[in-house]
């Protein structure tokens, strides 16, 4: 199930962001690069503020947030991360497809990411 961020989701989202960088991205980046990207200490306050502003989509699987995606009003995907326990299960694909459908429903002709 994919839904919009709800109050309190920032806790799981903050943990997912940190784990995804230090457990998934670390296969392609050095420890130094990963630490520049994200501290190993989870920053809940930052993610609470960010989630309240960005209102990300979250994918829920087995009553857990399995991943999240931030979609800006212009169709820009800002952040998209998956809980390492749920990787390679089609969850990020579902989040991206959902973001595309939302963009098209609002008349946007493109979705983009850098």
PDB file of N, CA and C in Angstrom:
ATOM      1  N   UNK A   1       0.843  -1.177   0.000  1.00  0.00           N
ATOM      2  CA  UNK A   1       0.000   0.000   0.000  1.00  0.00           C
ATOM      3  C   UNK A   1       0.893   1.246   0.000  1.00  0.00           C
ATOM      4  N   UNK A   2       0.517   2.204  -0.802  1.00  0.00           N
ATOM      5  CA  UNK A   2       1.220   3.480  -0.834  1.00  0.00           C
ATOM      6  C   UNK A   2       0.265   4.547  -0.335  1.00  0.00           C
ATOM      7  N   UNK A   3       0.764   5.362   0.567  1.00  0.00           N
ATOM      8  CA  UNK A   3      -0.043   6.446   1.138  1.00  0.00           C
ATOM      9  C   UNK A   3       0.840   7.655   1.366  1.00  0.00           C
ATOM     10  N   UNK A   4       0.224   8.760   1.725  1.00  0.00           N
ATOM     11  CA  UNK A   4       0.946   9.990   2.038  1.00  0.00           C
ATOM     12  C   UNK A   4       1.437   9.914   3.482  1.00  0.00           C
ATOM     13  N   UNK A   5       2.549  10.540   3.738  1.00  0.00           N
ATOM     14  CA  UNK A   5       3.123  10.667   5.073  1.00  0.00           C
ATOM     15  C   UNK A   5       2.055  11.001   6.114  1.00  0.00           C
ATOM     16  N   UNK A   6       2.169  10.369   7.259  1.00  0.00           N
ATOM     17  CA  UNK A   6       1.307  10.667   8.402  1.00  0.00           C
ATOM     18  C   UNK A   6       2.184  11.051   9.584  1.00  0.00           C
ATOM     19  N   UNK A   7       1.612  11.806  10.499  1.00  0.00           N
ATOM     20  CA  UNK A   7       2.334  12.219  11.696  1.00  0.00           C
ATOM     21  C   UNK A   7       2.975  10.996  12.357  1.00  0.00           C
ATOM     22  N   UNK A   8       4.240  11.097  12.653  1.00  0.00           N
ATOM     23  CA  UNK A   8       4.973  10.009  13.295  1.00  0.00           C
ATOM     24  C   UNK A   8       5.766   9.140  12.334  1.00  0.00           C
ATOM     25  N   UNK A   9       5.456   9.194  11.044  1.00  0.00           N
ATOM     26  CA  UNK A   9       6.189   8.397  10.048  1.00  0.00           C
ATOM     27  C   UNK A   9       7.657   8.802   9.949  1.00  0.00           C
ATOM     28  N   UNK A  10       7.969  10.019  10.378  1.00  0.00           N
ATOM     29  CA  UNK A  10       9.346  10.509  10.251  1.00  0.00           C
ATOM     30  C   UNK A  10      10.351   9.616  10.979  1.00  0.00           C
ATOM     31  N   UNK A  11       9.916   8.917  11.998  1.00  0.00           N
ATOM     32  CA  UNK A  11      10.834   8.042  12.743  1.00  0.00           C
ATOM     33  C   UNK A  11      11.333   6.924  11.839  1.00  0.00           C
ATOM     34  N   UNK A  12      10.402   6.236  11.191  1.00  0.00           N
ATOM     35  CA  UNK A  12      10.791   5.156  10.274  1.00  0.00           C
ATOM     36  C   UNK A  12      11.535   5.711   9.068  1.00  0.00           C
ATOM     37  N   UNK A  13      11.096   6.847   8.546  1.00  0.00           N
ATOM     38  CA  UNK A  13      11.738   7.450   7.381  1.00  0.00           C
ATOM     39  C   UNK A  13      13.187   7.825   7.690  1.00  0.00           C
ATOM     40  N   UNK A  14      13.422   8.407   8.849  1.00  0.00           N
ATOM     41  CA  UNK A  14      14.787   8.767   9.249  1.00  0.00           C
ATOM     42  C   UNK A  14      15.669   7.530   9.348  1.00  0.00           C
ATOM     43  N   UNK A  15      15.139   6.473   9.909  1.00  0.00           N
ATOM     44  CA  UNK A  15      15.902   5.220  10.023  1.00  0.00           C
ATOM     45  C   UNK A  15      16.179   4.623   8.641  1.00  0.00           C
ATOM     46  N   UNK A  16      15.184   4.664   7.759  1.00  0.00           N
ATOM     47  CA  UNK A  16      15.359   4.128   6.402  1.00  0.00           C
ATOM     48  C   UNK A  16      16.439   4.906   5.663  1.00  0.00           C
ATOM     49  N   UNK A  17      16.393   6.223   5.715  1.00  0.00           N
ATOM     50  CA  UNK A  17      17.398   7.046   5.042  1.00  0.00           C
ATOM     51  C   UNK A  17      18.803   6.661   5.486  1.00  0.00           C
ATOM     52  N   UNK A  18      19.008   6.605   6.791  1.00  0.00           N
ATOM     53  CA  UNK A  18      20.330   6.285   7.333  1.00  0.00           C
ATOM     54  C   UNK A  18      20.756   4.870   6.963  1.00  0.00           C
ATOM     55  N   UNK A  19      19.863   3.920   7.116  1.00  0.00           N
ATOM     56  CA  UNK A  19      20.197   2.522   6.796  1.00  0.00           C
ATOM     57  C   UNK A  19      20.455   2.333   5.309  1.00  0.00           C
ATOM     58  N   UNK A  20      19.668   2.972   4.469  1.00  0.00           N
ATOM     59  CA  UNK A  20      19.848   2.816   3.024  1.00  0.00           C
ATOM     60  C   UNK A  20      21.228   3.305   2.586  1.00  0.00           C
ATOM     61  N   UNK A  21      21.680   4.380   3.166  1.00  0.00           N
ATOM     62  CA  UNK A  21      23.002   4.901   2.796  1.00  0.00           C
ATOM     63  C   UNK A  21      24.115   4.004   3.329  1.00  0.00           C
ATOM     64  N   UNK A  22      24.004   3.616   4.579  1.00  0.00           N
ATOM     65  CA  UNK A  22      25.102   2.872   5.203  1.00  0.00           C
ATOM     66  C   UNK A  22      25.036   1.361   4.970  1.00  0.00           C
ATOM     67  N   UNK A  23      23.923   0.867   4.441  1.00  0.00           N
ATOM     68  CA  UNK A  23      23.828  -0.574   4.163  1.00  0.00           C
ATOM     69  C   UNK A  23      23.676  -0.888   2.673  1.00  0.00           C
ATOM     70  N   UNK A  24      23.125   0.032   1.895  1.00  0.00           N
ATOM     71  CA  UNK A  24      22.944  -0.222   0.459  1.00  0.00           C
ATOM     72  C   UNK A  24      23.940   0.599  -0.351  1.00  0.00           C
ATOM     73  N   UNK A  25      23.916   1.914  -0.197  1.00  0.00           N
ATOM     74  CA  UNK A  25      24.791   2.785  -0.991  1.00  0.00           C
ATOM     75  C   UNK A  25      26.256   2.541  -0.682  1.00  0.00           C
ATOM     76  N   UNK A  26      26.539   2.018   0.483  1.00  0.00           N
ATOM     77  CA  UNK A  26      27.935   1.774   0.868  1.00  0.00           C
ATOM     78  C   UNK A  26      28.625   0.770  -0.051  1.00  0.00           C
ATOM     79  N   UNK A  27      27.865   0.035  -0.833  1.00  0.00           N
ATOM     80  CA  UNK A  27      28.466  -0.880  -1.808  1.00  0.00           C
ATOM     81  C   UNK A  27      29.110  -0.108  -2.965  1.00  0.00           C
ATOM     82  N   UNK A  28      28.660   1.135  -3.194  1.00  0.00           N
ATOM     83  CA  UNK A  28      29.152   1.932  -4.320  1.00  0.00           C
ATOM     84  C   UNK A  28      29.919   3.183  -3.905  1.00  0.00           C
ATOM     85  N   UNK A  29      29.871   3.529  -2.631  1.00  0.00           N
ATOM     86  CA  UNK A  29      30.527   4.729  -2.132  1.00  0.00           C
ATOM     87  C   UNK A  29      31.465   4.365  -0.990  1.00  0.00           C
ATOM     88  N   UNK A  30      32.492   5.168  -0.788  1.00  0.00           N
ATOM     89  CA  UNK A  30      33.415   4.937   0.315  1.00  0.00           C
ATOM     90  C   UNK A  30      32.735   5.282   1.639  1.00  0.00           C
ATOM     91  N   UNK A  31      33.313   4.819   2.729  1.00  0.00           N
ATOM     92  CA  UNK A  31      32.790   5.180   4.050  1.00  0.00           C
ATOM     93  C   UNK A  31      32.777   6.689   4.233  1.00  0.00           C
ATOM     94  N   UNK A  32      33.826   7.341   3.764  1.00  0.00           N
ATOM     95  CA  UNK A  32      33.913   8.803   3.879  1.00  0.00           C
ATOM     96  C   UNK A  32      32.775   9.483   3.117  1.00  0.00           C
ATOM     97  N   UNK A  33      32.488   9.010   1.906  1.00  0.00           N
ATOM     98  CA  UNK A  33      31.396   9.580   1.117  1.00  0.00           C
ATOM     99  C   UNK A  33      30.050   9.349   1.798  1.00  0.00           C
ATOM    100  N   UNK A  34      29.840   8.166   2.324  1.00  0.00           N
ATOM    101  CA  UNK A  34      28.576   7.864   3.015  1.00  0.00           C
ATOM    102  C   UNK A  34      28.402   8.732   4.250  1.00  0.00           C
ATOM    103  N   UNK A  35      29.481   8.934   4.995  1.00  0.00           N
ATOM    104  CA  UNK A  35      29.396   9.782   6.185  1.00  0.00           C
ATOM    105  C   UNK A  35      29.168  11.247   5.827  1.00  0.00           C
ATOM    106  N   UNK A  36      29.672  11.690   4.671  1.00  0.00           N
ATOM    107  CA  UNK A  36      29.391  13.062   4.217  1.00  0.00           C
ATOM    108  C   UNK A  36      27.927  13.203   3.828  1.00  0.00           C
ATOM    109  N   UNK A  37      27.346  12.122   3.358  1.00  0.00           N
ATOM    110  CA  UNK A  37      25.955  12.090   2.925  1.00  0.00           C
ATOM    111  C   UNK A  37      25.023  12.027   4.132  1.00  0.00           C
ATOM    112  N   UNK A  38      25.384  11.160   5.094  1.00  0.00           N
ATOM    113  CA  UNK A  38      24.525  10.970   6.271  1.00  0.00           C
ATOM    114  C   UNK A  38      25.347  10.444   7.435  1.00  0.00           C
ATOM    115  N   UNK A  39      25.153  11.049   8.565  1.00  0.00           N
ATOM    116  CA  UNK A  39      25.763  10.546   9.796  1.00  0.00           C
ATOM    117  C   UNK A  39      25.170   9.171  10.099  1.00  0.00           C
ATOM    118  N   UNK A  40      25.893   8.363  10.829  1.00  0.00           N
ATOM    119  CA  UNK A  40      25.338   7.073  11.238  1.00  0.00           C
ATOM    120  C   UNK A  40      24.320   7.250  12.364  1.00  0.00           C
ATOM    121  N   UNK A  41      24.361   8.413  12.991  1.00  0.00           N
ATOM    122  CA  UNK A  41      23.373   8.730  14.026  1.00  0.00           C
ATOM    123  C   UNK A  41      22.129   9.290  13.342  1.00  0.00           C
ATOM    124  N   UNK A  42      20.989   8.695  13.609  1.00  0.00           N
ATOM    125  CA  UNK A  42      19.734   9.095  12.968  1.00  0.00           C
ATOM    126  C   UNK A  42      19.306  10.467  13.498  1.00  0.00           C
ATOM    127  N   UNK A  43      18.970  11.374  12.578  1.00  0.00           N
ATOM    128  CA  UNK A  43      18.577  12.738  12.934  1.00  0.00           C
ATOM    129  C   UNK A  43      17.055  12.869  12.827  1.00  0.00           C
ATOM    130  N   UNK A  44      16.367  12.498  13.886  1.00  0.00           N
ATOM    131  CA  UNK A  44      14.905  12.491  13.874  1.00  0.00           C
ATOM    132  C   UNK A  44      14.312  13.880  13.737  1.00  0.00           C
ATOM    133  N   UNK A  45      14.910  14.867  14.381  1.00  0.00           N
ATOM    134  CA  UNK A  45      14.368  16.237  14.319  1.00  0.00           C
ATOM    135  C   UNK A  45      14.407  16.773  12.889  1.00  0.00           C
ATOM    136  N   UNK A  46      15.517  16.540  12.205  1.00  0.00           N
ATOM    137  CA  UNK A  46      15.627  16.976  10.811  1.00  0.00           C
ATOM    138  C   UNK A  46      14.537  16.332   9.960  1.00  0.00           C
ATOM    139  N   UNK A  47      14.364  15.028  10.112  1.00  0.00           N
ATOM    140  CA  UNK A  47      13.399  14.316   9.283  1.00  0.00           C
ATOM    141  C   UNK A  47      11.958  14.648   9.652  1.00  0.00           C
ATOM    142  N   UNK A  48      11.700  14.983  10.884  1.00  0.00           N
ATOM    143  CA  UNK A  48      10.341  15.417  11.265  1.00  0.00           C
ATOM    144  C   UNK A  48       9.998  16.696  10.510  1.00  0.00           C
ATOM    145  N   UNK A  49      10.896  17.676  10.540  1.00  0.00           N
ATOM    146  CA  UNK A  49      10.666  18.941   9.834  1.00  0.00           C
ATOM    147  C   UNK A  49      10.568  18.722   8.328  1.00  0.00           C
ATOM    148  N   UNK A  50      11.467  17.935   7.790  1.00  0.00           N
ATOM    149  CA  UNK A  50      11.479  17.698   6.350  1.00  0.00           C
ATOM    150  C   UNK A  50      10.198  17.008   5.891  1.00  0.00           C
ATOM    151  N   UNK A  51       9.779  15.983   6.623  1.00  0.00           N
ATOM    152  CA  UNK A  51       8.566  15.236   6.240  1.00  0.00           C
ATOM    153  C   UNK A  51       7.319  16.096   6.338  1.00  0.00           C
ATOM    154  N   UNK A  52       7.258  16.954   7.339  1.00  0.00           N
ATOM    155  CA  UNK A  52       6.107  17.842   7.459  1.00  0.00           C
ATOM    156  C   UNK A  52       6.050  18.822   6.289  1.00  0.00           C
ATOM    157  N   UNK A  53       7.200  19.205   5.769  1.00  0.00           N
ATOM    158  CA  UNK A  53       7.270  20.106   4.620  1.00  0.00           C
ATOM    159  C   UNK A  53       7.021  19.362   3.306  1.00  0.00           C
ATOM    160  N   UNK A  54       7.701  18.250   3.108  1.00  0.00           N
ATOM    161  CA  UNK A  54       7.685  17.531   1.827  1.00  0.00           C
ATOM    162  C   UNK A  54       6.506  16.574   1.665  1.00  0.00           C
ATOM    163  N   UNK A  55       5.963  16.071   2.774  1.00  0.00           N
ATOM    164  CA  UNK A  55       4.816  15.143   2.747  1.00  0.00           C
ATOM    165  C   UNK A  55       5.077  13.965   1.782  1.00  0.00           C
ATOM    166  N   UNK A  56       6.108  13.168   2.051  1.00  0.00           N
ATOM    167  CA  UNK A  56       6.458  12.087   1.118  1.00  0.00           C
ATOM    168  C   UNK A  56       5.390  11.001   1.024  1.00  0.00           C
ATOM    169  N   UNK A  57       5.476  10.250  -0.070  1.00  0.00           N
ATOM    170  CA  UNK A  57       4.702   9.022  -0.190  1.00  0.00           C
ATOM    171  C   UNK A  57       5.468   7.942   0.565  1.00  0.00           C
ATOM    172  N   UNK A  58       4.748   7.070   1.248  1.00  0.00           N
ATOM    173  CA  UNK A  58       5.386   5.947   1.929  1.00  0.00           C
ATOM    174  C   UNK A  58       4.761   4.648   1.440  1.00  0.00           C
ATOM    175  N   UNK A  59       5.588   3.638   1.309  1.00  0.00           N
ATOM    176  CA  UNK A  59       5.118   2.301   0.963  1.00  0.00           C
ATOM    177  C   UNK A  59       5.075   1.498   2.245  1.00  0.00           C
ATOM    178  N   UNK A  60       3.939   0.886   2.512  1.00  0.00           N
ATOM    179  CA  UNK A  60       3.762   0.096   3.730  1.00  0.00           C
ATOM    180  C   UNK A  60       3.626  -1.367   3.344  1.00  0.00           C
ATOM    181  N   UNK A  61       4.416  -2.187   3.990  1.00  0.00           N
ATOM    182  CA  UNK A  61       4.401  -3.630   3.754  1.00  0.00           C
ATOM    183  C   UNK A  61       4.450  -4.312   5.120  1.00  0.00           C
ATOM    184  N   UNK A  62       3.513  -5.206   5.353  1.00  0.00           N
ATOM    185  CA  UNK A  62       3.460  -5.920   6.642  1.00  0.00           C
ATOM    186  C   UNK A  62       3.467  -4.954   7.827  1.00  0.00           C
ATOM    187  N   UNK A  63       2.683  -3.891   7.716  1.00  0.00           N
ATOM    188  CA  UNK A  63       2.543  -2.872   8.767  1.00  0.00           C
ATOM    189  C   UNK A  63       3.825  -2.111   9.073  1.00  0.00           C
ATOM    190  N   UNK A  64       4.793  -2.138   8.161  1.00  0.00           N
ATOM    191  CA  UNK A  64       6.032  -1.384   8.329  1.00  0.00           C
ATOM    192  C   UNK A  64       6.224  -0.471   7.129  1.00  0.00           C
ATOM    193  N   UNK A  65       6.833   0.682   7.364  1.00  0.00           N
ATOM    194  CA  UNK A  65       7.188   1.539   6.242  1.00  0.00           C
ATOM    195  C   UNK A  65       8.411   0.909   5.582  1.00  0.00           C
ATOM    196  N   UNK A  66       8.243   0.523   4.328  1.00  0.00           N
ATOM    197  CA  UNK A  66       9.285  -0.186   3.599  1.00  0.00           C
ATOM    198  C   UNK A  66      10.139   0.757   2.753  1.00  0.00           C
ATOM    199  N   UNK A  67       9.595   1.926   2.435  1.00  0.00           N
ATOM    200  CA  UNK A  67      10.333   2.894   1.638  1.00  0.00           C
ATOM    201  C   UNK A  67       9.557   4.188   1.550  1.00  0.00           C
ATOM    202  N   UNK A  68      10.219   5.214   1.018  1.00  0.00           N
ATOM    203  CA  UNK A  68       9.547   6.507   0.863  1.00  0.00           C
ATOM    204  C   UNK A  68      10.087   7.233  -0.351  1.00  0.00           C
ATOM    205  N   UNK A  69       9.297   8.179  -0.829  1.00  0.00           N
ATOM    206  CA  UNK A  69       9.657   8.970  -1.999  1.00  0.00           C
ATOM    207  C   UNK A  69       9.072  10.364  -1.828  1.00  0.00           C
ATOM    208  N   UNK A  70       9.910  11.382  -2.031  1.00  0.00           N
ATOM    209  CA  UNK A  70       9.463  12.767  -1.982  1.00  0.00           C
ATOM    210  C   UNK A  70       9.253  13.270  -3.406  1.00  0.00           C
ATOM    211  N   UNK A  71       8.085  13.798  -3.668  1.00  0.00           N
ATOM    212  CA  UNK A  71       7.745  14.327  -4.986  1.00  0.00           C
ATOM    213  C   UNK A  71       7.423  15.804  -4.860  1.00  0.00           C
ATOM    214  N   UNK A  72       8.212  16.625  -5.531  1.00  0.00           N
ATOM    215  CA  UNK A  72       7.976  18.064  -5.529  1.00  0.00           C
ATOM    216  C   UNK A  72       6.856  18.410  -6.504  1.00  0.00           C
ATOM    217  N   UNK A  73       6.213  19.559  -6.324  1.00  0.00           N
ATOM    218  CA  UNK A  73       5.080  19.937  -7.185  1.00  0.00           C
ATOM    219  C   UNK A  73       5.401  20.028  -8.679  1.00  0.00           C
ATOM    220  N   UNK A  74       6.681  20.210  -9.016  1.00  0.00           N
ATOM    221  CA  UNK A  74       7.060  20.313 -10.435  1.00  0.00           C
ATOM    222  C   UNK A  74       7.406  18.959 -11.058  1.00  0.00           C
ATOM    223  N   UNK A  75       7.218  17.865 -10.311  1.00  0.00           N
ATOM    224  CA  UNK A  75       7.510  16.536 -10.827  1.00  0.00           C
ATOM    225  C   UNK A  75       8.899  16.024 -10.480  1.00  0.00           C
ATOM    226  N   UNK A  76       9.639  16.768  -9.698  1.00  0.00           N
ATOM    227  CA  UNK A  76      10.987  16.378  -9.290  1.00  0.00           C
ATOM    228  C   UNK A  76      10.918  15.375  -8.135  1.00  0.00           C
ATOM    229  N   UNK A  77      11.542  14.221  -8.323  1.00  0.00           N
ATOM    230  CA  UNK A  77      11.694  13.261  -7.229  1.00  0.00           C
ATOM    231  C   UNK A  77      12.946  13.669  -6.474  1.00  0.00           C
ATOM    232  N   UNK A  78      12.765  14.122  -5.240  1.00  0.00           N
ATOM    233  CA  UNK A  78      13.865  14.656  -4.453  1.00  0.00           C
ATOM    234  C   UNK A  78      14.599  13.542  -3.705  1.00  0.00           C
ATOM    235  N   UNK A  79      13.890  12.736  -3.001  1.00  0.00           N
ATOM    236  CA  UNK A  79      14.475  11.623  -2.237  1.00  0.00           C
ATOM    237  C   UNK A  79      13.656  10.372  -2.500  1.00  0.00           C
ATOM    238  N   UNK A  80      14.350   9.256  -2.590  1.00  0.00           N
ATOM    239  CA  UNK A  80      13.674   7.966  -2.734  1.00  0.00           C
ATOM    240  C   UNK A  80      14.589   6.912  -2.117  1.00  0.00           C
ATOM    241  N   UNK A  81      14.147   6.335  -1.019  1.00  0.00           N
ATOM    242  CA  UNK A  81      14.970   5.370  -0.291  1.00  0.00           C
ATOM    243  C   UNK A  81      14.122   4.179   0.145  1.00  0.00           C
ATOM    244  N   UNK A  82      14.798   3.048   0.247  1.00  0.00           N
ATOM    245  CA  UNK A  82      14.133   1.803   0.620  1.00  0.00           C
ATOM    246  C   UNK A  82      14.788   1.229   1.875  1.00  0.00           C
ATOM    247  N   UNK A  83      13.979   0.660   2.741  1.00  0.00           N
ATOM    248  CA  UNK A  83      14.492  -0.070   3.903  1.00  0.00           C
ATOM    249  C   UNK A  83      15.287  -1.257   3.371  1.00  0.00           C
ATOM    250  N   UNK A  84      16.533  -1.430   3.790  1.00  0.00           N
ATOM    251  CA  UNK A  84      17.340  -2.533   3.256  1.00  0.00           C
ATOM    252  C   UNK A  84      16.675  -3.910   3.370  1.00  0.00           C
ATOM    253  N   UNK A  85      15.834  -4.116   4.352  1.00  0.00           N
ATOM    254  CA  UNK A  85      15.150  -5.418   4.496  1.00  0.00           C
ATOM    255  C   UNK A  85      14.124  -5.655   3.389  1.00  0.00           C
ATOM    256  N   UNK A  86      13.719  -4.591   2.693  1.00  0.00           N
ATOM    257  CA  UNK A  86      12.685  -4.704   1.662  1.00  0.00           C
ATOM    258  C   UNK A  86      13.212  -4.466   0.251  1.00  0.00           C
ATOM    259  N   UNK A  87      14.514  -4.414   0.092  1.00  0.00           N
ATOM    260  CA  UNK A  87      15.052  -4.136  -1.241  1.00  0.00           C
ATOM    261  C   UNK A  87      14.835  -5.314  -2.182  1.00  0.00           C
ATOM    262  N   UNK A  88      14.748  -4.976  -3.458  1.00  0.00           N
ATOM    263  CA  UNK A  88      14.549  -5.959  -4.530  1.00  0.00           C
ATOM    264  C   UNK A  88      13.217  -6.707  -4.424  1.00  0.00           C
ATOM    265  N   UNK A  89      12.205  -5.996  -3.944  1.00  0.00           N
ATOM    266  CA  UNK A  89      10.859  -6.574  -3.841  1.00  0.00           C
ATOM    267  C   UNK A  89       9.831  -5.763  -4.630  1.00  0.00           C
ATOM    268  N   UNK A  90      10.298  -4.828  -5.455  1.00  0.00           N
ATOM    269  CA  UNK A  90       9.405  -4.041  -6.291  1.00  0.00           C
ATOM    270  C   UNK A  90       8.788  -2.839  -5.602  1.00  0.00           C
ATOM    271  N   UNK A  91       9.199  -2.563  -4.385  1.00  0.00           N
ATOM    272  CA  UNK A  91       8.581  -1.473  -3.622  1.00  0.00           C
ATOM    273  C   UNK A  91       8.956  -0.109  -4.190  1.00  0.00           C
ATOM    274  N   UNK A  92      10.225   0.090  -4.521  1.00  0.00           N
ATOM    275  CA  UNK A  92      10.616   1.380  -5.103  1.00  0.00           C
ATOM    276  C   UNK A  92       9.989   1.550  -6.480  1.00  0.00           C
ATOM    277  N   UNK A  93       9.893   0.482  -7.237  1.00  0.00           N
ATOM    278  CA  UNK A  93       9.221   0.553  -8.538  1.00  0.00           C
ATOM    279  C   UNK A  93       7.785   1.023  -8.354  1.00  0.00           C
ATOM    280  N   UNK A  94       7.104   0.485  -7.363  1.00  0.00           N
ATOM    281  CA  UNK A  94       5.716   0.883  -7.092  1.00  0.00           C
ATOM    282  C   UNK A  94       5.640   2.353  -6.674  1.00  0.00           C
ATOM    283  N   UNK A  95       6.586   2.806  -5.860  1.00  0.00           N
ATOM    284  CA  UNK A  95       6.603   4.216  -5.455  1.00  0.00           C
ATOM    285  C   UNK A  95       6.813   5.135  -6.655  1.00  0.00           C
ATOM    286  N   UNK A  96       7.730   4.786  -7.534  1.00  0.00           N
ATOM    287  CA  UNK A  96       7.993   5.618  -8.715  1.00  0.00           C
ATOM    288  C   UNK A  96       6.780   5.628  -9.638  1.00  0.00           C
ATOM    289  N   UNK A  97       6.171   4.474  -9.862  1.00  0.00           N
ATOM    290  CA  UNK A  97       4.963   4.420 -10.696  1.00  0.00           C
ATOM    291  C   UNK A  97       3.853   5.269 -10.093  1.00  0.00           C
ATOM    292  N   UNK A  98       3.730   5.246  -8.781  1.00  0.00           N
ATOM    293  CA  UNK A  98       2.724   6.063  -8.101  1.00  0.00           C
ATOM    294  C   UNK A  98       3.022   7.554  -8.326  1.00  0.00           C
ATOM    295  N   UNK A  99       4.276   7.936  -8.191  1.00  0.00           N
ATOM    296  CA  UNK A  99       4.664   9.339  -8.404  1.00  0.00           C
ATOM    297  C   UNK A  99       4.353   9.773  -9.834  1.00  0.00           C
ATOM    298  N   UNK A 100       4.631   8.915 -10.783  1.00  0.00           N
ATOM    299  CA  UNK A 100       4.333   9.233 -12.190  1.00  0.00           C
ATOM    300  C   UNK A 100       2.834   9.410 -12.386  1.00  0.00           C
ATOM    301  N   UNK A 101       2.046   8.511 -11.833  1.00  0.00           N
ATOM    302  CA  UNK A 101       0.583   8.602 -11.960  1.00  0.00           C
ATOM    303  C   UNK A 101       0.061   9.895 -11.336  1.00  0.00           C
ATOM    304  N   UNK A 102       0.608  10.281 -10.187  1.00  0.00           N
ATOM    305  CA  UNK A 102       0.190  11.524  -9.534  1.00  0.00           C
ATOM    306  C   UNK A 102       0.527  12.716 -10.422  1.00  0.00           C
ATOM    307  N   UNK A 103       1.731  12.738 -10.967  1.00  0.00           N
ATOM    308  CA  UNK A 103       2.130  13.848 -11.850  1.00  0.00           C
ATOM    309  C   UNK A 103       1.191  13.957 -13.049  1.00  0.00           C
ATOM    310  N   UNK A 104       0.940  12.839 -13.695  1.00  0.00           N
ATOM    311  CA  UNK A 104       0.073  12.857 -14.867  1.00  0.00           C
ATOM    312  C   UNK A 104      -1.349  13.284 -14.494  1.00  0.00           C
ATOM    313  N   UNK A 105      -1.814  12.879 -13.311  1.00  0.00           N
ATOM    314  CA  UNK A 105      -3.171  13.259 -12.895  1.00  0.00           C
ATOM    315  C   UNK A 105      -3.303  14.766 -12.678  1.00  0.00           C
ATOM    316  N   UNK A 106      -2.176  15.427 -12.400  1.00  0.00           N
ATOM    317  CA  UNK A 106      -2.170  16.878 -12.229  1.00  0.00           C
ATOM    318  C   UNK A 106      -1.761  17.612 -13.502  1.00  0.00           C
ATOM    319  N   UNK A 107      -1.650  16.879 -14.590  1.00  0.00           N
ATOM    320  CA  UNK A 107      -1.340  17.499 -15.870  1.00  0.00           C
ATOM    321  C   UNK A 107       0.140  17.757 -16.114  1.00  0.00           C
ATOM    322  N   UNK A 108       0.992  17.286 -15.228  1.00  0.00           N
ATOM    323  CA  UNK A 108       2.428  17.444 -15.468  1.00  0.00           C
ATOM    324  C   UNK A 108       2.853  16.465 -16.556  1.00  0.00           C
ATOM    325  N   UNK A 109       3.732  16.919 -17.416  1.00  0.00           N
ATOM    326  CA  UNK A 109       4.133  16.087 -18.549  1.00  0.00           C
ATOM    327  C   UNK A 109       5.443  15.361 -18.331  1.00  0.00           C
ATOM    328  N   UNK A 110       6.079  15.594 -17.162  1.00  0.00           N
ATOM    329  CA  UNK A 110       7.336  14.913 -16.906  1.00  0.00           C
ATOM    330  C   UNK A 110       7.546  14.698 -15.414  1.00  0.00           C
ATOM    331  N   UNK A 111       8.321  13.677 -15.127  1.00  0.00           N
ATOM    332  CA  UNK A 111       8.828  13.386 -13.783  1.00  0.00           C
ATOM    333  C   UNK A 111      10.335  13.308 -13.959  1.00  0.00           C
ATOM    334  N   UNK A 112      11.089  13.901 -13.031  1.00  0.00           N
ATOM    335  CA  UNK A 112      12.535  13.879 -13.216  1.00  0.00           C
ATOM    336  C   UNK A 112      13.274  13.764 -11.887  1.00  0.00           C
ATOM    337  N   UNK A 113      14.512  13.316 -12.001  1.00  0.00           N
ATOM    338  CA  UNK A 113      15.390  13.131 -10.854  1.00  0.00           C
ATOM    339  C   UNK A 113      16.824  13.371 -11.318  1.00  0.00           C
ATOM    340  N   UNK A 114      17.695  13.799 -10.417  1.00  0.00           N
ATOM    341  CA  UNK A 114      19.090  13.882 -10.792  1.00  0.00           C
ATOM    342  C   UNK A 114      19.846  12.787 -10.070  1.00  0.00           C
TER     343      UNK A 114
END
